[in-house]
Amino acid sequence: MTEPTDKDTKRLGDYLACSRPLLQNAVKKQGQELKRASKPRPLGEILLQDGDISPVELETAVRRQRMDRLRRCPVFSTLSDMELSAISARFTEVSVPPGQQFIIQDEPDPTLYVIAAGKVEVYRTTLDGKHIHIADVGPPEPIGEMGYFQGGIRTASVRAIDATELLRADYNALSHYFEHVPRVAHEFMRIVDRRRRATEQVMAQPSA
């Protein structure tokens, strides 16, 4: 089975019922804003403010994209469209630039992320400040799952390697699925166990 990659990720424009010239014009405006060293507006926001789409069209496109992104994640891949629609309302989109740390080891942060695009590094920092690489992770994997069983305390740090797009949701908003939906709970526990064993193996290696 071939693992999904960034190339399999649909952009928001793929879900919008507007012409290619309008999309190209919005992308051009994004590029111009980026050149001015400002944070570019999301594509949907540009199209909305220009009057090219309606708020309902934008909301529908975002929901469909979010559902597809969650469907690709192994934790939620067995959910029906109705279930995906319900759980997608609990997530929001987050963009992280290259190099930015968004999970900090030992700090409270009761949040689960799903990587939609990009790549992140998971690592630990020892008491003497040594950086220990645990893994590089890309779409459509979840990130931050270990903290669910640690009272929301992070067991490792995570930073974006590339420009990364994430979906994020509080643990409390997902606890019903992790504890009462067997299909989700089984896959979630499988990933937690795999990540725990991989981390223990790396940490057990003798220092160079």
N, C-alpha and C. Protein backbone atom coordinates (compact mmCIF):
# COMPACT_ATOMS: atom_id res chain seq x y z
N MET A 1 0.84 -1.20 0.00
CA MET A 1 0.00 0.00 0.00
C MET A 1 0.87 1.24 0.00
N THR A 2 0.61 2.18 -0.88
CA THR A 2 1.40 3.39 -1.00
C THR A 2 0.94 4.41 0.02
N GLU A 3 1.88 4.97 0.79
CA GLU A 3 1.53 5.97 1.78
C GLU A 3 1.19 7.29 1.09
N PRO A 4 0.17 8.00 1.57
CA PRO A 4 -0.17 9.29 1.01
C PRO A 4 0.96 10.28 1.21
N THR A 5 1.11 11.21 0.29
CA THR A 5 2.13 12.25 0.38
C THR A 5 1.48 13.59 0.18
N ASP A 6 2.31 14.66 0.26
CA ASP A 6 1.80 16.00 0.02
C ASP A 6 1.16 16.12 -1.35
N LYS A 7 1.65 15.34 -2.32
CA LYS A 7 1.10 15.41 -3.67
C LYS A 7 -0.34 14.95 -3.72
N ASP A 8 -0.76 14.14 -2.73
CA ASP A 8 -2.13 13.66 -2.69
C ASP A 8 -3.07 14.66 -2.01
N THR A 9 -2.50 15.73 -1.46
CA THR A 9 -3.30 16.69 -0.71
C THR A 9 -3.96 17.69 -1.65
N LYS A 10 -5.27 17.80 -1.56
CA LYS A 10 -5.98 18.78 -2.37
C LYS A 10 -5.92 20.13 -1.68
N ARG A 11 -5.76 21.17 -2.50
CA ARG A 11 -5.78 22.52 -1.97
C ARG A 11 -7.22 23.00 -1.87
N LEU A 12 -7.41 24.09 -1.12
CA LEU A 12 -8.76 24.59 -0.93
C LEU A 12 -9.43 24.94 -2.25
N GLY A 13 -8.64 25.43 -3.21
CA GLY A 13 -9.20 25.79 -4.51
C GLY A 13 -9.86 24.63 -5.23
N ASP A 14 -9.43 23.40 -4.91
CA ASP A 14 -10.02 22.22 -5.53
C ASP A 14 -11.46 21.99 -5.07
N TYR A 15 -11.84 22.62 -3.97
CA TYR A 15 -13.17 22.43 -3.42
C TYR A 15 -14.10 23.61 -3.70
N LEU A 16 -13.55 24.64 -4.34
CA LEU A 16 -14.33 25.84 -4.60
C LEU A 16 -14.87 25.86 -6.02
N ALA A 17 -16.12 26.24 -6.15
CA ALA A 17 -16.75 26.29 -7.48
C ALA A 17 -16.54 27.67 -8.09
N CYS A 18 -15.28 27.99 -8.41
CA CYS A 18 -15.00 29.25 -9.08
C CYS A 18 -13.98 28.99 -10.19
N SER A 19 -13.88 29.89 -11.11
CA SER A 19 -13.08 29.67 -12.32
C SER A 19 -11.59 29.68 -12.01
N ARG A 20 -10.84 29.06 -12.91
CA ARG A 20 -9.38 29.03 -12.77
C ARG A 20 -8.77 30.44 -12.77
N PRO A 21 -9.22 31.36 -13.65
CA PRO A 21 -8.66 32.72 -13.60
C PRO A 21 -8.83 33.40 -12.24
N LEU A 22 -9.99 33.19 -11.59
CA LEU A 22 -10.20 33.78 -10.27
C LEU A 22 -9.24 33.18 -9.25
N LEU A 23 -9.04 31.87 -9.33
CA LEU A 23 -8.10 31.21 -8.42
C LEU A 23 -6.68 31.70 -8.66
N GLN A 24 -6.30 31.81 -9.93
CA GLN A 24 -4.96 32.26 -10.26
C GLN A 24 -4.73 33.69 -9.78
N ASN A 25 -5.76 34.53 -9.89
CA ASN A 25 -5.64 35.91 -9.43
C ASN A 25 -5.45 35.96 -7.91
N ALA A 26 -6.18 35.11 -7.19
CA ALA A 26 -6.05 35.06 -5.73
C ALA A 26 -4.66 34.57 -5.33
N VAL A 27 -4.15 33.55 -6.03
CA VAL A 27 -2.80 33.04 -5.75
C VAL A 27 -1.76 34.13 -6.02
N LYS A 28 -1.96 34.90 -7.08
CA LYS A 28 -1.05 36.00 -7.41
C LYS A 28 -1.02 37.03 -6.29
N LYS A 29 -2.18 37.34 -5.74
CA LYS A 29 -2.25 38.29 -4.63
C LYS A 29 -1.54 37.74 -3.40
N GLN A 30 -1.66 36.43 -3.16
CA GLN A 30 -0.93 35.82 -2.05
C GLN A 30 0.57 36.02 -2.21
N GLY A 31 1.05 35.80 -3.44
CA GLY A 31 2.47 35.96 -3.72
C GLY A 31 2.93 37.39 -3.51
N GLN A 32 2.12 38.35 -3.92
CA GLN A 32 2.46 39.76 -3.74
C GLN A 32 2.53 40.13 -2.27
N GLU A 33 1.60 39.60 -1.48
CA GLU A 33 1.60 39.87 -0.04
C GLU A 33 2.82 39.25 0.62
N LEU A 34 3.23 38.09 0.16
CA LEU A 34 4.40 37.42 0.72
C LEU A 34 5.67 38.21 0.42
N LYS A 35 5.75 38.79 -0.79
CA LYS A 35 6.92 39.59 -1.16
C LYS A 35 7.03 40.85 -0.31
N ARG A 36 5.91 41.33 0.20
CA ARG A 36 5.94 42.53 1.05
C ARG A 36 6.28 42.17 2.50
N ALA A 37 6.71 40.92 2.70
CA ALA A 37 7.13 40.44 4.02
C ALA A 37 5.97 40.43 5.02
N SER A 38 4.77 40.40 4.49
CA SER A 38 3.61 40.31 5.37
C SER A 38 3.06 38.89 5.30
N LYS A 39 2.29 38.53 6.31
CA LYS A 39 1.69 37.20 6.30
C LYS A 39 0.55 37.19 5.30
N PRO A 40 0.66 36.37 4.24
CA PRO A 40 -0.39 36.38 3.21
C PRO A 40 -1.72 35.86 3.74
N ARG A 41 -2.78 36.44 3.25
CA ARG A 41 -4.12 35.97 3.63
C ARG A 41 -4.38 34.59 3.03
N PRO A 42 -5.18 33.78 3.68
CA PRO A 42 -5.56 32.49 3.09
C PRO A 42 -6.29 32.73 1.78
N LEU A 43 -6.17 31.74 0.89
CA LEU A 43 -6.79 31.85 -0.42
C LEU A 43 -8.29 32.13 -0.33
N GLY A 44 -8.96 31.38 0.54
CA GLY A 44 -10.40 31.56 0.68
C GLY A 44 -10.77 32.95 1.14
N GLU A 45 -9.96 33.52 2.03
CA GLU A 45 -10.23 34.87 2.53
C GLU A 45 -10.11 35.90 1.42
N ILE A 46 -9.11 35.73 0.54
CA ILE A 46 -8.94 36.66 -0.58
C ILE A 46 -10.14 36.58 -1.52
N LEU A 47 -10.55 35.37 -1.86
CA LEU A 47 -11.69 35.19 -2.76
C LEU A 47 -12.97 35.75 -2.14
N LEU A 48 -13.12 35.58 -0.84
CA LEU A 48 -14.31 36.08 -0.16
C LEU A 48 -14.33 37.60 -0.15
N GLN A 49 -13.21 38.22 0.19
CA GLN A 49 -13.15 39.67 0.26
C GLN A 49 -13.28 40.32 -1.11
N ASP A 50 -12.87 39.61 -2.16
CA ASP A 50 -13.01 40.12 -3.52
C ASP A 50 -14.41 39.90 -4.08
N GLY A 51 -15.25 39.19 -3.33
CA GLY A 51 -16.60 38.93 -3.78
C GLY A 51 -16.72 37.81 -4.79
N ASP A 52 -15.67 36.98 -4.90
CA ASP A 52 -15.67 35.89 -5.89
C ASP A 52 -16.40 34.65 -5.38
N ILE A 53 -16.53 34.51 -4.06
CA ILE A 53 -17.28 33.41 -3.47
C ILE A 53 -18.10 33.96 -2.31
N SER A 54 -19.08 33.18 -1.88
CA SER A 54 -19.91 33.58 -0.75
C SER A 54 -19.39 32.94 0.53
N PRO A 55 -19.78 33.47 1.70
CA PRO A 55 -19.38 32.84 2.97
C PRO A 55 -19.81 31.37 3.05
N VAL A 56 -20.98 31.05 2.53
CA VAL A 56 -21.46 29.67 2.56
C VAL A 56 -20.58 28.78 1.69
N GLU A 57 -20.19 29.28 0.51
CA GLU A 57 -19.32 28.50 -0.37
C GLU A 57 -17.97 28.24 0.28
N LEU A 58 -17.43 29.25 0.96
CA LEU A 58 -16.15 29.08 1.63
C LEU A 58 -16.26 28.08 2.78
N GLU A 59 -17.30 28.20 3.59
CA GLU A 59 -17.50 27.29 4.71
C GLU A 59 -17.65 25.85 4.24
N THR A 60 -18.39 25.66 3.15
CA THR A 60 -18.60 24.31 2.60
C THR A 60 -17.29 23.73 2.09
N ALA A 61 -16.48 24.54 1.41
CA ALA A 61 -15.20 24.08 0.87
C ALA A 61 -14.24 23.70 1.99
N VAL A 62 -14.18 24.54 3.03
CA VAL A 62 -13.29 24.26 4.17
C VAL A 62 -13.70 22.96 4.85
N ARG A 63 -15.01 22.76 5.04
CA ARG A 63 -15.49 21.54 5.69
C ARG A 63 -15.17 20.30 4.87
N ARG A 64 -15.34 20.37 3.55
CA ARG A 64 -15.04 19.23 2.69
C ARG A 64 -13.55 18.91 2.70
N GLN A 65 -12.72 19.96 2.65
CA GLN A 65 -11.28 19.73 2.69
C GLN A 65 -10.87 19.11 4.03
N ARG A 66 -11.43 19.62 5.11
CA ARG A 66 -11.10 19.11 6.44
C ARG A 66 -11.51 17.65 6.57
N MET A 67 -12.68 17.30 6.06
CA MET A 67 -13.14 15.92 6.11
C MET A 67 -12.19 15.00 5.34
N ASP A 68 -11.75 15.42 4.17
CA ASP A 68 -10.82 14.61 3.38
C ASP A 68 -9.49 14.44 4.09
N ARG A 69 -9.02 15.50 4.71
CA ARG A 69 -7.75 15.42 5.44
C ARG A 69 -7.85 14.46 6.62
N LEU A 70 -8.96 14.51 7.34
CA LEU A 70 -9.14 13.59 8.46
C LEU A 70 -9.33 12.16 7.97
N ARG A 71 -9.98 11.99 6.83
CA ARG A 71 -10.19 10.66 6.26
C ARG A 71 -8.86 9.99 5.93
N ARG A 72 -7.87 10.77 5.54
CA ARG A 72 -6.55 10.22 5.21
C ARG A 72 -5.77 9.80 6.45
N CYS A 73 -6.09 10.41 7.60
CA CYS A 73 -5.39 10.08 8.84
C CYS A 73 -5.81 8.68 9.30
N PRO A 74 -4.87 7.80 9.61
CA PRO A 74 -5.22 6.43 9.98
C PRO A 74 -6.13 6.34 11.20
N VAL A 75 -6.07 7.31 12.10
CA VAL A 75 -6.92 7.26 13.29
C VAL A 75 -8.40 7.39 12.93
N PHE A 76 -8.70 8.19 11.92
CA PHE A 76 -10.09 8.49 11.59
C PHE A 76 -10.55 7.90 10.25
N SER A 77 -9.72 7.10 9.63
CA SER A 77 -9.99 6.63 8.26
C SER A 77 -11.21 5.72 8.15
N THR A 78 -11.64 5.10 9.25
CA THR A 78 -12.78 4.17 9.19
C THR A 78 -14.12 4.86 9.45
N LEU A 79 -14.10 6.15 9.75
CA LEU A 79 -15.34 6.86 10.05
C LEU A 79 -16.15 7.09 8.78
N SER A 80 -17.46 7.10 8.93
CA SER A 80 -18.36 7.38 7.81
C SER A 80 -18.35 8.87 7.50
N ASP A 81 -18.91 9.26 6.36
CA ASP A 81 -18.99 10.67 6.01
C ASP A 81 -19.73 11.47 7.08
N MET A 82 -20.79 10.89 7.63
CA MET A 82 -21.54 11.58 8.67
C MET A 82 -20.69 11.78 9.91
N GLU A 83 -19.95 10.75 10.29
CA GLU A 83 -19.08 10.85 11.46
C GLU A 83 -17.95 11.84 11.21
N LEU A 84 -17.38 11.80 10.01
CA LEU A 84 -16.30 12.74 9.67
C LEU A 84 -16.80 14.18 9.69
N SER A 85 -18.02 14.38 9.21
CA SER A 85 -18.59 15.72 9.22
C SER A 85 -18.74 16.22 10.65
N ALA A 86 -19.15 15.34 11.56
CA ALA A 86 -19.34 15.73 12.95
C ALA A 86 -18.01 16.02 13.63
N ILE A 87 -17.02 15.15 13.44
CA ILE A 87 -15.75 15.34 14.13
C ILE A 87 -14.94 16.48 13.52
N SER A 88 -15.14 16.76 12.23
CA SER A 88 -14.40 17.84 11.58
C SER A 88 -14.71 19.19 12.20
N ALA A 89 -15.92 19.33 12.77
CA ALA A 89 -16.31 20.60 13.40
C ALA A 89 -15.48 20.86 14.66
N ARG A 90 -14.80 19.84 15.18
CA ARG A 90 -14.01 19.99 16.39
C ARG A 90 -12.57 20.42 16.08
N PHE A 91 -12.20 20.44 14.80
CA PHE A 91 -10.85 20.80 14.39
C PHE A 91 -10.80 22.19 13.78
N THR A 92 -9.63 22.81 13.87
CA THR A 92 -9.36 24.06 13.17
C THR A 92 -8.03 23.95 12.44
N GLU A 93 -7.82 24.79 11.44
CA GLU A 93 -6.60 24.77 10.66
C GLU A 93 -5.52 25.65 11.29
N VAL A 94 -4.28 25.18 11.22
CA VAL A 94 -3.13 25.94 11.72
C VAL A 94 -2.00 25.83 10.70
N SER A 95 -1.37 26.96 10.38
CA SER A 95 -0.21 26.96 9.49
C SER A 95 1.03 27.28 10.32
N VAL A 96 2.10 26.49 10.13
CA VAL A 96 3.33 26.66 10.90
C VAL A 96 4.49 26.85 9.92
N PRO A 97 5.25 27.94 10.03
CA PRO A 97 6.38 28.16 9.12
C PRO A 97 7.55 27.25 9.45
N PRO A 98 8.46 27.05 8.49
CA PRO A 98 9.62 26.19 8.73
C PRO A 98 10.43 26.65 9.94
N GLY A 99 10.84 25.70 10.76
CA GLY A 99 11.66 26.00 11.92
C GLY A 99 10.91 26.32 13.19
N GLN A 100 9.63 26.59 13.09
CA GLN A 100 8.87 26.98 14.30
C GLN A 100 8.49 25.76 15.13
N GLN A 101 8.73 25.87 16.43
CA GLN A 101 8.35 24.82 17.37
C GLN A 101 6.91 25.07 17.81
N PHE A 102 6.07 24.04 17.74
CA PHE A 102 4.68 24.23 18.14
C PHE A 102 4.24 23.26 19.23
N ILE A 103 5.10 22.33 19.60
CA ILE A 103 4.89 21.49 20.78
C ILE A 103 6.17 21.56 21.60
N ILE A 104 6.04 21.85 22.89
CA ILE A 104 7.21 22.04 23.75
C ILE A 104 7.24 20.97 24.84
N GLN A 105 8.32 20.25 24.89
CA GLN A 105 8.50 19.16 25.84
C GLN A 105 8.24 19.62 27.28
N ASP A 106 7.50 18.79 28.02
CA ASP A 106 7.21 18.97 29.45
C ASP A 106 6.21 20.08 29.75
N GLU A 107 5.67 20.73 28.72
CA GLU A 107 4.69 21.78 28.98
C GLU A 107 3.27 21.26 28.78
N PRO A 108 2.28 21.80 29.49
CA PRO A 108 0.89 21.37 29.31
C PRO A 108 0.32 21.90 28.00
N ASP A 109 -0.29 21.03 27.24
CA ASP A 109 -0.87 21.40 25.95
C ASP A 109 -1.77 20.27 25.49
N PRO A 110 -3.01 20.22 25.95
CA PRO A 110 -3.91 19.10 25.66
C PRO A 110 -4.50 19.17 24.26
N THR A 111 -3.64 19.00 23.26
CA THR A 111 -4.05 19.19 21.87
C THR A 111 -3.54 18.05 20.99
N LEU A 112 -4.39 17.57 20.11
CA LEU A 112 -3.98 16.62 19.08
C LEU A 112 -3.91 17.35 17.75
N TYR A 113 -2.85 17.06 17.00
CA TYR A 113 -2.69 17.62 15.66
C TYR A 113 -2.75 16.50 14.63
N VAL A 114 -3.20 16.85 13.44
CA VAL A 114 -3.11 15.96 12.28
C VAL A 114 -2.36 16.72 11.20
N ILE A 115 -1.30 16.12 10.67
CA ILE A 115 -0.50 16.78 9.65
C ILE A 115 -1.21 16.67 8.30
N ALA A 116 -1.55 17.82 7.73
CA ALA A 116 -2.22 17.85 6.42
C ALA A 116 -1.21 18.02 5.29
N ALA A 117 -0.15 18.76 5.53
CA ALA A 117 0.89 18.98 4.51
C ALA A 117 2.16 19.42 5.23
N GLY A 118 3.32 19.10 4.64
CA GLY A 118 4.59 19.47 5.23
C GLY A 118 5.25 18.32 5.98
N LYS A 119 6.21 18.65 6.82
CA LYS A 119 6.93 17.63 7.59
C LYS A 119 7.39 18.25 8.90
N VAL A 120 7.39 17.44 9.97
CA VAL A 120 7.80 17.92 11.28
C VAL A 120 8.85 16.99 11.87
N GLU A 121 9.64 17.52 12.81
CA GLU A 121 10.61 16.72 13.55
C GLU A 121 10.14 16.58 14.99
N VAL A 122 10.15 15.35 15.48
CA VAL A 122 9.87 15.07 16.89
C VAL A 122 11.21 14.84 17.58
N TYR A 123 11.45 15.51 18.70
CA TYR A 123 12.73 15.38 19.38
C TYR A 123 12.57 15.61 20.88
N ARG A 124 13.56 15.15 21.61
CA ARG A 124 13.60 15.39 23.05
C ARG A 124 14.87 16.16 23.38
N THR A 125 14.83 16.89 24.48
CA THR A 125 15.99 17.62 24.97
C THR A 125 16.33 17.11 26.36
N THR A 126 17.57 16.69 26.54
CA THR A 126 17.99 16.16 27.83
C THR A 126 18.25 17.29 28.83
N LEU A 127 18.47 16.93 30.09
CA LEU A 127 18.71 17.93 31.12
C LEU A 127 19.95 18.77 30.84
N ASP A 128 20.92 18.18 30.14
CA ASP A 128 22.13 18.95 29.81
C ASP A 128 22.02 19.66 28.46
N GLY A 129 20.79 19.69 27.89
CA GLY A 129 20.57 20.45 26.67
C GLY A 129 20.83 19.71 25.37
N LYS A 130 21.07 18.41 25.44
CA LYS A 130 21.35 17.65 24.22
C LYS A 130 20.06 17.40 23.43
N HIS A 131 20.15 17.62 22.13
CA HIS A 131 19.02 17.41 21.21
C HIS A 131 19.03 15.96 20.73
N ILE A 132 17.95 15.24 20.99
CA ILE A 132 17.85 13.84 20.57
C ILE A 132 16.72 13.71 19.55
N HIS A 133 17.08 13.42 18.32
CA HIS A 133 16.10 13.25 17.25
C HIS A 133 15.32 11.96 17.45
N ILE A 134 13.99 12.06 17.44
CA ILE A 134 13.14 10.87 17.57
C ILE A 134 12.64 10.41 16.21
N ALA A 135 12.05 11.31 15.44
CA ALA A 135 11.48 10.91 14.15
C ALA A 135 11.10 12.15 13.34
N ASP A 136 11.07 11.98 12.02
CA ASP A 136 10.45 12.95 11.12
C ASP A 136 9.08 12.39 10.74
N VAL A 137 8.07 13.22 10.77
CA VAL A 137 6.70 12.77 10.54
C VAL A 137 6.03 13.67 9.52
N GLY A 138 5.29 13.07 8.60
CA GLY A 138 4.58 13.83 7.57
C GLY A 138 3.13 13.42 7.49
N PRO A 139 2.42 13.95 6.51
CA PRO A 139 1.00 13.61 6.37
C PRO A 139 0.80 12.15 6.00
N PRO A 140 -0.28 11.57 6.44
CA PRO A 140 -1.43 12.14 7.17
C PRO A 140 -1.42 11.78 8.64
N GLU A 141 -0.23 11.71 9.24
CA GLU A 141 -0.09 11.18 10.60
C GLU A 141 -0.57 12.18 11.66
N PRO A 142 -1.01 11.67 12.81
CA PRO A 142 -1.32 12.53 13.96
C PRO A 142 -0.04 12.87 14.71
N ILE A 143 -0.07 13.97 15.44
CA ILE A 143 1.05 14.40 16.27
C ILE A 143 0.47 14.90 17.60
N GLY A 144 1.15 14.55 18.69
CA GLY A 144 0.69 14.99 20.01
C GLY A 144 -0.18 13.98 20.72
N GLU A 145 -0.19 12.75 20.20
CA GLU A 145 -1.07 11.73 20.77
C GLU A 145 -0.61 11.24 22.14
N MET A 146 0.71 11.28 22.39
CA MET A 146 1.22 10.73 23.64
C MET A 146 0.71 11.49 24.87
N GLY A 147 0.52 12.80 24.71
CA GLY A 147 0.08 13.61 25.83
C GLY A 147 -1.31 13.28 26.32
N TYR A 148 -2.09 12.57 25.51
CA TYR A 148 -3.46 12.21 25.91
C TYR A 148 -3.45 11.36 27.17
N PHE A 149 -2.40 10.56 27.34
CA PHE A 149 -2.31 9.69 28.51
C PHE A 149 -1.36 10.24 29.57
N GLN A 150 -0.91 11.49 29.38
CA GLN A 150 0.01 12.12 30.34
C GLN A 150 -0.58 13.39 30.93
N GLY A 151 -1.91 13.45 30.97
CA GLY A 151 -2.56 14.63 31.52
C GLY A 151 -2.33 15.88 30.71
N GLY A 152 -2.06 15.70 29.42
CA GLY A 152 -1.83 16.85 28.54
C GLY A 152 -0.41 17.37 28.57
N ILE A 153 0.48 16.73 29.34
CA ILE A 153 1.88 17.16 29.40
C ILE A 153 2.64 16.55 28.23
N ARG A 154 3.38 17.38 27.54
CA ARG A 154 4.11 16.92 26.36
C ARG A 154 5.33 16.07 26.72
N THR A 155 5.48 14.94 26.06
CA THR A 155 6.61 14.06 26.32
C THR A 155 7.78 14.34 25.38
N ALA A 156 7.57 15.17 24.36
CA ALA A 156 8.62 15.53 23.42
C ALA A 156 8.28 16.87 22.79
N SER A 157 9.22 17.44 22.08
CA SER A 157 8.99 18.68 21.35
C SER A 157 8.80 18.36 19.87
N VAL A 158 8.13 19.27 19.16
CA VAL A 158 7.91 19.11 17.72
C VAL A 158 8.10 20.46 17.05
N ARG A 159 8.84 20.46 15.95
CA ARG A 159 9.01 21.69 15.16
C ARG A 159 8.74 21.38 13.70
N ALA A 160 8.35 22.39 12.97
CA ALA A 160 8.10 22.23 11.53
C ALA A 160 9.43 22.23 10.78
N ILE A 161 9.62 21.25 9.92
CA ILE A 161 10.79 21.23 9.04
C ILE A 161 10.49 22.04 7.78
N ASP A 162 9.34 21.79 7.18
CA ASP A 162 8.86 22.54 6.03
C ASP A 162 7.69 23.42 6.49
N ALA A 163 7.22 24.28 5.59
CA ALA A 163 5.95 24.95 5.84
C ALA A 163 4.89 23.87 6.02
N THR A 164 4.23 23.89 7.15
CA THR A 164 3.37 22.77 7.54
C THR A 164 1.94 23.24 7.81
N GLU A 165 0.99 22.47 7.30
CA GLU A 165 -0.42 22.73 7.57
C GLU A 165 -0.94 21.63 8.49
N LEU A 166 -1.62 22.05 9.54
CA LEU A 166 -2.10 21.12 10.56
C LEU A 166 -3.59 21.33 10.82
N LEU A 167 -4.21 20.27 11.29
CA LEU A 167 -5.52 20.37 11.91
C LEU A 167 -5.31 20.14 13.40
N ARG A 168 -5.98 20.91 14.24
CA ARG A 168 -5.79 20.76 15.68
C ARG A 168 -7.14 20.71 16.39
N ALA A 169 -7.17 19.93 17.49
CA ALA A 169 -8.38 19.82 18.30
C ALA A 169 -7.97 19.50 19.73
N ASP A 170 -8.72 19.99 20.69
CA ASP A 170 -8.46 19.68 22.10
C ASP A 170 -8.80 18.21 22.37
N TYR A 171 -8.04 17.60 23.27
CA TYR A 171 -8.30 16.21 23.65
C TYR A 171 -9.74 16.02 24.11
N ASN A 172 -10.23 16.98 24.90
CA ASN A 172 -11.58 16.83 25.44
C ASN A 172 -12.64 16.72 24.35
N ALA A 173 -12.39 17.37 23.23
CA ALA A 173 -13.34 17.34 22.12
C ALA A 173 -13.32 16.00 21.38
N LEU A 174 -12.27 15.19 21.64
CA LEU A 174 -12.10 13.93 20.92
C LEU A 174 -12.24 12.71 21.83
N SER A 175 -12.37 12.93 23.14
CA SER A 175 -12.36 11.81 24.08
C SER A 175 -13.47 10.80 23.81
N HIS A 176 -14.62 11.25 23.33
CA HIS A 176 -15.71 10.31 23.02
C HIS A 176 -15.24 9.30 21.98
N TYR A 177 -14.53 9.76 20.96
CA TYR A 177 -14.09 8.87 19.88
C TYR A 177 -12.98 7.94 20.37
N PHE A 178 -12.07 8.45 21.20
CA PHE A 178 -10.96 7.64 21.68
C PHE A 178 -11.40 6.59 22.69
N GLU A 179 -12.51 6.82 23.37
CA GLU A 179 -12.92 5.92 24.44
C GLU A 179 -14.18 5.12 24.14
N HIS A 180 -14.97 5.55 23.14
CA HIS A 180 -16.25 4.88 22.91
C HIS A 180 -16.49 4.45 21.46
N VAL A 181 -15.57 4.76 20.56
CA VAL A 181 -15.69 4.32 19.17
C VAL A 181 -14.55 3.34 18.90
N PRO A 182 -14.82 2.02 18.97
CA PRO A 182 -13.75 1.02 18.91
C PRO A 182 -12.81 1.16 17.72
N ARG A 183 -13.35 1.48 16.55
CA ARG A 183 -12.50 1.59 15.36
C ARG A 183 -11.45 2.68 15.53
N VAL A 184 -11.85 3.81 16.10
CA VAL A 184 -10.92 4.92 16.34
C VAL A 184 -9.99 4.60 17.50
N ALA A 185 -10.55 4.08 18.58
CA ALA A 185 -9.76 3.77 19.78
C ALA A 185 -8.64 2.77 19.47
N HIS A 186 -8.96 1.73 18.68
CA HIS A 186 -7.96 0.70 18.36
C HIS A 186 -6.81 1.30 17.58
N GLU A 187 -7.09 2.09 16.57
CA GLU A 187 -6.02 2.66 15.75
C GLU A 187 -5.23 3.70 16.54
N PHE A 188 -5.93 4.46 17.37
CA PHE A 188 -5.25 5.46 18.20
C PHE A 188 -4.26 4.78 19.14
N MET A 189 -4.69 3.71 19.79
CA MET A 189 -3.80 2.99 20.71
C MET A 189 -2.65 2.32 19.97
N ARG A 190 -2.91 1.84 18.75
CA ARG A 190 -1.84 1.22 17.96
C ARG A 190 -0.75 2.23 17.65
N ILE A 191 -1.15 3.45 17.30
CA ILE A 191 -0.18 4.49 16.99
C ILE A 191 0.56 4.94 18.25
N VAL A 192 -0.16 5.09 19.34
CA VAL A 192 0.47 5.47 20.61
C VAL A 192 1.53 4.44 21.00
N ASP A 193 1.18 3.15 20.91
CA ASP A 193 2.12 2.09 21.29
C ASP A 193 3.34 2.07 20.36
N ARG A 194 3.10 2.25 19.06
CA ARG A 194 4.22 2.27 18.11
C ARG A 194 5.15 3.44 18.38
N ARG A 195 4.59 4.59 18.63
CA ARG A 195 5.42 5.77 18.89
C ARG A 195 6.17 5.64 20.22
N ARG A 196 5.50 5.06 21.22
CA ARG A 196 6.15 4.89 22.52
C ARG A 196 7.35 3.96 22.40
N ARG A 197 7.18 2.84 21.69
CA ARG A 197 8.28 1.89 21.53
C ARG A 197 9.42 2.50 20.73
N ALA A 198 9.09 3.28 19.70
CA ALA A 198 10.13 3.91 18.89
C ALA A 198 10.92 4.94 19.72
N THR A 199 10.23 5.68 20.57
CA THR A 199 10.89 6.66 21.42
C THR A 199 11.79 5.98 22.43
N GLU A 200 11.29 4.91 23.06
CA GLU A 200 12.08 4.18 24.04
C GLU A 200 13.33 3.59 23.40
N GLN A 201 13.20 3.12 22.18
CA GLN A 201 14.36 2.55 21.48
C GLN A 201 15.43 3.61 21.22
N VAL A 202 14.99 4.79 20.79
CA VAL A 202 15.95 5.87 20.53
C VAL A 202 16.61 6.33 21.83
N MET A 203 15.82 6.49 22.87
CA MET A 203 16.37 6.99 24.14
C MET A 203 17.29 5.98 24.80
N ALA A 204 17.11 4.70 24.47
CA ALA A 204 17.95 3.65 25.07
C ALA A 204 19.30 3.53 24.41
N GLN A 205 19.47 4.14 23.25
CA GLN A 205 20.74 4.06 22.53
C GLN A 205 21.83 4.80 23.31
N PRO A 206 23.04 4.23 23.37
CA PRO A 206 24.12 4.90 24.11
C PRO A 206 24.52 6.21 23.45
N SER A 207 24.90 7.17 24.25
CA SER A 207 25.32 8.48 23.73
C SER A 207 26.61 8.34 22.94
N ALA A 208 26.71 9.14 21.87
CA ALA A 208 27.91 9.09 21.03
C ALA A 208 29.09 9.70 21.77
